[in-house]
PDB file of N, CA and C in Angstrom:
ATOM      1  N   MET A   1      -5.996  15.782  -6.454  1.00  0.00           N
ATOM      2  CA  MET A   1      -6.838  14.621  -6.644  1.00  0.00           C
ATOM      3  C   MET A   1      -7.983  14.950  -7.575  1.00  0.00           C
ATOM      4  N   ARG A   2      -8.405  13.954  -8.293  1.00  0.00           N
ATOM      5  CA  ARG A   2      -9.508  14.137  -9.230  1.00  0.00           C
ATOM      6  C   ARG A   2     -10.795  14.558  -8.536  1.00  0.00           C
ATOM      7  N   ALA A   3     -10.989  14.094  -7.302  1.00  0.00           N
ATOM      8  CA  ALA A   3     -12.226  14.400  -6.584  1.00  0.00           C
ATOM      9  C   ALA A   3     -12.410  15.898  -6.410  1.00  0.00           C
ATOM     10  N   TRP A   4     -11.336  16.651  -6.299  1.00  0.00           N
ATOM     11  CA  TRP A   4     -11.439  18.097  -6.083  1.00  0.00           C
ATOM     12  C   TRP A   4     -11.585  18.858  -7.388  1.00  0.00           C
ATOM     13  N   ARG A   5     -11.306  18.230  -8.511  1.00  0.00           N
ATOM     14  CA  ARG A   5     -11.358  18.922  -9.804  1.00  0.00           C
ATOM     15  C   ARG A   5     -12.648  18.653 -10.577  1.00  0.00           C
ATOM     16  N   ARG A   6     -13.573  17.972  -9.980  1.00  0.00           N
ATOM     17  CA  ARG A   6     -14.812  17.645 -10.680  1.00  0.00           C
ATOM     18  C   ARG A   6     -15.657  18.896 -10.878  1.00  0.00           C
ATOM     19  N   PRO A   7     -16.475  18.914 -11.919  1.00  0.00           N
ATOM     20  CA  PRO A   7     -17.323  20.086 -12.137  1.00  0.00           C
ATOM     21  C   PRO A   7     -18.361  20.239 -11.030  1.00  0.00           C
ATOM     22  N   ASP A   8     -18.823  21.439 -10.865  1.00  0.00           N
ATOM     23  CA  ASP A   8     -19.825  21.732  -9.841  1.00  0.00           C
ATOM     24  C   ASP A   8     -21.171  21.151 -10.265  1.00  0.00           C
ATOM     25  N   ASN A   9     -21.648  20.159  -9.531  1.00  0.00           N
ATOM     26  CA  ASN A   9     -22.946  19.563  -9.831  1.00  0.00           C
ATOM     27  C   ASN A   9     -24.043  20.158  -8.967  1.00  0.00           C
ATOM     28  N   HIS A  10     -23.665  20.842  -7.905  1.00  0.00           N
ATOM     29  CA  HIS A  10     -24.639  21.337  -6.938  1.00  0.00           C
ATOM     30  C   HIS A  10     -24.447  22.838  -6.721  1.00  0.00           C
ATOM     31  N   MET A  11     -25.561  23.492  -6.534  1.00  0.00           N
ATOM     32  CA  MET A  11     -25.503  24.922  -6.180  1.00  0.00           C
ATOM     33  C   MET A  11     -25.257  25.080  -4.677  1.00  0.00           C
ATOM     34  N   ASP A  12     -25.752  24.134  -3.910  1.00  0.00           N
ATOM     35  CA  ASP A  12     -25.590  24.170  -2.456  1.00  0.00           C
ATOM     36  C   ASP A  12     -24.151  23.791  -2.110  1.00  0.00           C
ATOM     37  N   PRO A  13     -23.406  24.663  -1.437  1.00  0.00           N
ATOM     38  CA  PRO A  13     -21.999  24.386  -1.126  1.00  0.00           C
ATOM     39  C   PRO A  13     -21.809  23.131  -0.274  1.00  0.00           C
ATOM     40  N   LEU A  14     -22.753  22.854   0.619  1.00  0.00           N
ATOM     41  CA  LEU A  14     -22.605  21.663   1.463  1.00  0.00           C
ATOM     42  C   LEU A  14     -22.797  20.389   0.659  1.00  0.00           C
ATOM     43  N   LEU A  15     -23.734  20.401  -0.268  1.00  0.00           N
ATOM     44  CA  LEU A  15     -23.910  19.233  -1.128  1.00  0.00           C
ATOM     45  C   LEU A  15     -22.693  19.037  -2.029  1.00  0.00           C
ATOM     46  N   ARG A  16     -22.151  20.143  -2.508  1.00  0.00           N
ATOM     47  CA  ARG A  16     -20.941  20.067  -3.334  1.00  0.00           C
ATOM     48  C   ARG A  16     -19.773  19.504  -2.525  1.00  0.00           C
ATOM     49  N   LEU A  17     -19.596  19.982  -1.291  1.00  0.00           N
ATOM     50  CA  LEU A  17     -18.530  19.475  -0.426  1.00  0.00           C
ATOM     51  C   LEU A  17     -18.729  17.991  -0.145  1.00  0.00           C
ATOM     52  N   ASP A  18     -19.979  17.599   0.134  1.00  0.00           N
ATOM     53  CA  ASP A  18     -20.281  16.186   0.380  1.00  0.00           C
ATOM     54  C   ASP A  18     -19.919  15.342  -0.833  1.00  0.00           C
ATOM     55  N   ASP A  19     -20.267  15.811  -2.008  1.00  0.00           N
ATOM     56  CA  ASP A  19     -19.951  15.093  -3.244  1.00  0.00           C
ATOM     57  C   ASP A  19     -18.439  14.978  -3.434  1.00  0.00           C
ATOM     58  N   MET A  20     -17.736  16.059  -3.165  1.00  0.00           N
ATOM     59  CA  MET A  20     -16.280  16.046  -3.321  1.00  0.00           C
ATOM     60  C   MET A  20     -15.622  15.112  -2.304  1.00  0.00           C
ATOM     61  N   LEU A  21     -16.099  15.112  -1.073  1.00  0.00           N
ATOM     62  CA  LEU A  21     -15.532  14.224  -0.056  1.00  0.00           C
ATOM     63  C   LEU A  21     -15.800  12.765  -0.389  1.00  0.00           C
ATOM     64  N   ARG A  22     -16.988  12.466  -0.886  1.00  0.00           N
ATOM     65  CA  ARG A  22     -17.294  11.091  -1.301  1.00  0.00           C
ATOM     66  C   ARG A  22     -16.377  10.660  -2.449  1.00  0.00           C
ATOM     67  N   GLY A  23     -16.131  11.574  -3.362  1.00  0.00           N
ATOM     68  CA  GLY A  23     -15.203  11.270  -4.450  1.00  0.00           C
ATOM     69  C   GLY A  23     -13.796  11.027  -3.936  1.00  0.00           C
ATOM     70  N   MET A  24     -13.395  11.798  -2.938  1.00  0.00           N
ATOM     71  CA  MET A  24     -12.067  11.614  -2.366  1.00  0.00           C
ATOM     72  C   MET A  24     -11.953  10.255  -1.675  1.00  0.00           C
ATOM     73  N   VAL A  25     -13.005   9.861  -0.988  1.00  0.00           N
ATOM     74  CA  VAL A  25     -12.998   8.552  -0.323  1.00  0.00           C
ATOM     75  C   VAL A  25     -12.793   7.448  -1.360  1.00  0.00           C
ATOM     76  N   LYS A  26     -13.487   7.534  -2.488  1.00  0.00           N
ATOM     77  CA  LYS A  26     -13.332   6.529  -3.543  1.00  0.00           C
ATOM     78  C   LYS A  26     -11.904   6.510  -4.078  1.00  0.00           C
ATOM     79  N   GLU A  27     -11.362   7.698  -4.322  1.00  0.00           N
ATOM     80  CA  GLU A  27      -9.980   7.792  -4.831  1.00  0.00           C
ATOM     81  C   GLU A  27      -8.979   7.221  -3.826  1.00  0.00           C
ATOM     82  N   LEU A  28      -9.145   7.540  -2.552  1.00  0.00           N
ATOM     83  CA  LEU A  28      -8.225   7.036  -1.527  1.00  0.00           C
ATOM     84  C   LEU A  28      -8.327   5.531  -1.374  1.00  0.00           C
ATOM     85  N   LYS A  29      -9.515   4.978  -1.476  1.00  0.00           N
ATOM     86  CA  LYS A  29      -9.676   3.517  -1.417  1.00  0.00           C
ATOM     87  C   LYS A  29      -8.982   2.857  -2.595  1.00  0.00           C
ATOM     88  N   ARG A  30      -9.123   3.460  -3.775  1.00  0.00           N
ATOM     89  CA  ARG A  30      -8.469   2.908  -4.963  1.00  0.00           C
ATOM     90  C   ARG A  30      -6.948   2.957  -4.794  1.00  0.00           C
ATOM     91  N   TRP A  31      -6.446   4.097  -4.327  1.00  0.00           N
ATOM     92  CA  TRP A  31      -5.002   4.255  -4.105  1.00  0.00           C
ATOM     93  C   TRP A  31      -4.515   3.273  -3.056  1.00  0.00           C
ATOM     94  N   SER A  32      -5.262   3.145  -1.970  1.00  0.00           N
ATOM     95  CA  SER A  32      -4.873   2.267  -0.875  1.00  0.00           C
ATOM     96  C   SER A  32      -4.807   0.814  -1.321  1.00  0.00           C
ATOM     97  N   SER A  33      -5.775   0.378  -2.096  1.00  0.00           N
ATOM     98  CA  SER A  33      -5.772  -1.021  -2.531  1.00  0.00           C
ATOM     99  C   SER A  33      -4.558  -1.331  -3.395  1.00  0.00           C
ATOM    100  N   THR A  34      -4.118  -0.353  -4.153  1.00  0.00           N
ATOM    101  CA  THR A  34      -2.928  -0.551  -4.990  1.00  0.00           C
ATOM    102  C   THR A  34      -1.661  -0.532  -4.148  1.00  0.00           C
ATOM    103  N   ARG A  35      -1.485   0.491  -3.332  1.00  0.00           N
ATOM    104  CA  ARG A  35      -0.253   0.659  -2.565  1.00  0.00           C
ATOM    105  C   ARG A  35      -0.124  -0.330  -1.424  1.00  0.00           C
ATOM    106  N   ILE A  36      -1.169  -0.492  -0.646  1.00  0.00           N
ATOM    107  CA  ILE A  36      -1.100  -1.381   0.504  1.00  0.00           C
ATOM    108  C   ILE A  36      -0.941  -2.822   0.038  1.00  0.00           C
ATOM    109  N   GLY A  37      -1.612  -3.186  -1.031  1.00  0.00           N
ATOM    110  CA  GLY A  37      -1.446  -4.532  -1.574  1.00  0.00           C
ATOM    111  C   GLY A  37      -0.011  -4.809  -1.970  1.00  0.00           C
ATOM    112  N   GLU A  38       0.637  -3.803  -2.563  1.00  0.00           N
ATOM    113  CA  GLU A  38       2.040  -3.933  -2.965  1.00  0.00           C
ATOM    114  C   GLU A  38       2.933  -4.088  -1.738  1.00  0.00           C
ATOM    115  N   ILE A  39       2.680  -3.317  -0.716  1.00  0.00           N
ATOM    116  CA  ILE A  39       3.484  -3.384   0.501  1.00  0.00           C
ATOM    117  C   ILE A  39       3.300  -4.733   1.187  1.00  0.00           C
ATOM    118  N   ARG A  40       2.085  -5.220   1.221  1.00  0.00           N
ATOM    119  CA  ARG A  40       1.824  -6.521   1.850  1.00  0.00           C
ATOM    120  C   ARG A  40       2.575  -7.642   1.143  1.00  0.00           C
ATOM    121  N   SER A  41       2.590  -7.626  -0.187  1.00  0.00           N
ATOM    122  CA  SER A  41       3.306  -8.679  -0.907  1.00  0.00           C
ATOM    123  C   SER A  41       4.808  -8.567  -0.675  1.00  0.00           C
ATOM    124  N   GLN A  42       5.341  -7.353  -0.587  1.00  0.00           N
ATOM    125  CA  GLN A  42       6.765  -7.182  -0.304  1.00  0.00           C
ATOM    126  C   GLN A  42       7.096  -7.676   1.103  1.00  0.00           C
ATOM    127  N   LEU A  43       6.221  -7.398   2.051  1.00  0.00           N
ATOM    128  CA  LEU A  43       6.426  -7.863   3.422  1.00  0.00           C
ATOM    129  C   LEU A  43       6.392  -9.382   3.479  1.00  0.00           C
ATOM    130  N   LEU A  44       5.476  -9.999   2.765  1.00  0.00           N
ATOM    131  CA  LEU A  44       5.390 -11.453   2.726  1.00  0.00           C
ATOM    132  C   LEU A  44       6.669 -12.058   2.147  1.00  0.00           C
ATOM    133  N   MET A  45       7.175 -11.481   1.064  1.00  0.00           N
ATOM    134  CA  MET A  45       8.419 -11.981   0.475  1.00  0.00           C
ATOM    135  C   MET A  45       9.580 -11.824   1.443  1.00  0.00           C
ATOM    136  N   ALA A  46       9.658 -10.700   2.150  1.00  0.00           N
ATOM    137  CA  ALA A  46      10.737 -10.472   3.107  1.00  0.00           C
ATOM    138  C   ALA A  46      10.667 -11.484   4.243  1.00  0.00           C
ATOM    139  N   ARG A  47       9.470 -11.772   4.727  1.00  0.00           N
ATOM    140  CA  ARG A  47       9.316 -12.766   5.802  1.00  0.00           C
ATOM    141  C   ARG A  47       9.747 -14.151   5.335  1.00  0.00           C
ATOM    142  N   GLU A  48       9.390 -14.502   4.107  1.00  0.00           N
ATOM    143  CA  GLU A  48       9.803 -15.804   3.569  1.00  0.00           C
ATOM    144  C   GLU A  48      11.317 -15.887   3.449  1.00  0.00           C
ATOM    145  N   LEU A  49      11.945 -14.812   3.016  1.00  0.00           N
ATOM    146  CA  LEU A  49      13.401 -14.780   2.892  1.00  0.00           C
ATOM    147  C   LEU A  49      14.061 -14.937   4.257  1.00  0.00           C
ATOM    148  N   VAL A  50      13.560 -14.232   5.261  1.00  0.00           N
ATOM    149  CA  VAL A  50      14.117 -14.335   6.614  1.00  0.00           C
ATOM    150  C   VAL A  50      13.952 -15.758   7.148  1.00  0.00           C
ATOM    151  N   LEU A  51      12.795 -16.353   6.931  1.00  0.00           N
ATOM    152  CA  LEU A  51      12.564 -17.735   7.370  1.00  0.00           C
ATOM    153  C   LEU A  51      13.542 -18.675   6.684  1.00  0.00           C
ATOM    154  N   HIS A  52      13.728 -18.488   5.387  1.00  0.00           N
ATOM    155  CA  HIS A  52      14.667 -19.333   4.642  1.00  0.00           C
ATOM    156  C   HIS A  52      16.092 -19.168   5.182  1.00  0.00           C
ATOM    157  N   LEU A  53      16.505 -17.934   5.435  1.00  0.00           N
ATOM    158  CA  LEU A  53      17.855 -17.701   5.949  1.00  0.00           C
ATOM    159  C   LEU A  53      18.015 -18.254   7.369  1.00  0.00           C
ATOM    160  N   ASP A  54      16.983 -18.139   8.194  1.00  0.00           N
ATOM    161  CA  ASP A  54      17.037 -18.720   9.545  1.00  0.00           C
ATOM    162  C   ASP A  54      17.195 -20.227   9.482  1.00  0.00           C
ATOM    163  N   THR A  55      16.444 -20.854   8.596  1.00  0.00           N
ATOM    164  CA  THR A  55      16.523 -22.305   8.438  1.00  0.00           C
ATOM    165  C   THR A  55      17.899 -22.714   7.921  1.00  0.00           C
ATOM    166  N   THR A  56      18.412 -21.971   6.970  1.00  0.00           N
ATOM    167  CA  THR A  56      19.736 -22.257   6.408  1.00  0.00           C
ATOM    168  C   THR A  56      20.820 -22.092   7.469  1.00  0.00           C
ATOM    169  N   GLN A  57      20.692 -21.066   8.311  1.00  0.00           N
ATOM    170  CA  GLN A  57      21.691 -20.805   9.341  1.00  0.00           C
ATOM    171  C   GLN A  57      21.746 -21.934  10.365  1.00  0.00           C
ATOM    172  N   GLU A  58      20.648 -22.642  10.556  1.00  0.00           N
ATOM    173  CA  GLU A  58      20.650 -23.775  11.482  1.00  0.00           C
ATOM    174  C   GLU A  58      21.475 -24.933  10.933  1.00  0.00           C
ATOM    175  N   GLN A  59      21.648 -24.981   9.614  1.00  0.00           N
ATOM    176  CA  GLN A  59      22.375 -26.081   8.978  1.00  0.00           C
ATOM    177  C   GLN A  59      23.827 -25.730   8.671  1.00  0.00           C
ATOM    178  N   ARG A  60      24.085 -24.463   8.404  1.00  0.00           N
ATOM    179  CA  ARG A  60      25.444 -24.026   8.057  1.00  0.00           C
ATOM    180  C   ARG A  60      25.593 -22.541   8.344  1.00  0.00           C
ATOM    181  N   GLN A  61      26.831 -22.085   8.301  1.00  0.00           N
ATOM    182  CA  GLN A  61      27.069 -20.659   8.489  1.00  0.00           C
ATOM    183  C   GLN A  61      26.697 -19.919   7.205  1.00  0.00           C
ATOM    184  N   LEU A  62      26.019 -18.788   7.367  1.00  0.00           N
ATOM    185  CA  LEU A  62      25.617 -18.007   6.198  1.00  0.00           C
ATOM    186  C   LEU A  62      26.812 -17.312   5.577  1.00  0.00           C
ATOM    187  N   SER A  63      26.771 -17.140   4.271  1.00  0.00           N
ATOM    188  CA  SER A  63      27.813 -16.388   3.579  1.00  0.00           C
ATOM    189  C   SER A  63      27.670 -14.907   3.945  1.00  0.00           C
ATOM    190  N   LEU A  64      28.684 -14.133   3.607  1.00  0.00           N
ATOM    191  CA  LEU A  64      28.637 -12.701   3.892  1.00  0.00           C
ATOM    192  C   LEU A  64      27.436 -12.043   3.214  1.00  0.00           C
ATOM    193  N   GLU A  65      27.197 -12.405   1.954  1.00  0.00           N
ATOM    194  CA  GLU A  65      26.054 -11.839   1.218  1.00  0.00           C
ATOM    195  C   GLU A  65      24.732 -12.210   1.873  1.00  0.00           C
ATOM    196  N   GLU A  66      24.599 -13.452   2.324  1.00  0.00           N
ATOM    197  CA  GLU A  66      23.380 -13.893   2.981  1.00  0.00           C
ATOM    198  C   GLU A  66      23.197 -13.151   4.316  1.00  0.00           C
ATOM    199  N   SER A  67      24.268 -12.974   5.047  1.00  0.00           N
ATOM    200  CA  SER A  67      24.190 -12.261   6.329  1.00  0.00           C
ATOM    201  C   SER A  67      23.782 -10.807   6.126  1.00  0.00           C
ATOM    202  N   GLU A  68      24.263 -10.183   5.067  1.00  0.00           N
ATOM    203  CA  GLU A  68      23.912  -8.796   4.801  1.00  0.00           C
ATOM    204  C   GLU A  68      22.444  -8.621   4.453  1.00  0.00           C
ATOM    205  N   LEU A  69      21.847  -9.653   3.886  1.00  0.00           N
ATOM    206  CA  LEU A  69      20.411  -9.576   3.578  1.00  0.00           C
ATOM    207  C   LEU A  69      19.618  -9.456   4.859  1.00  0.00           C
TER     208      LEU A  69
END
């Protein structure tokens, strides 16, 4: 992670560790917003597809391809 590769800004090891951990938190939040957002949208699409197939199944028998989904 970039947070661990930053130059040493502090002589005090604890301040340096604090700075590095804060940087890691920022990086993880950035990563999380990208990945979790993607997963949430995929989950939403999957739920919509299941709802559509459930509704369709009430009206007719699903095709083999639809059932496999």
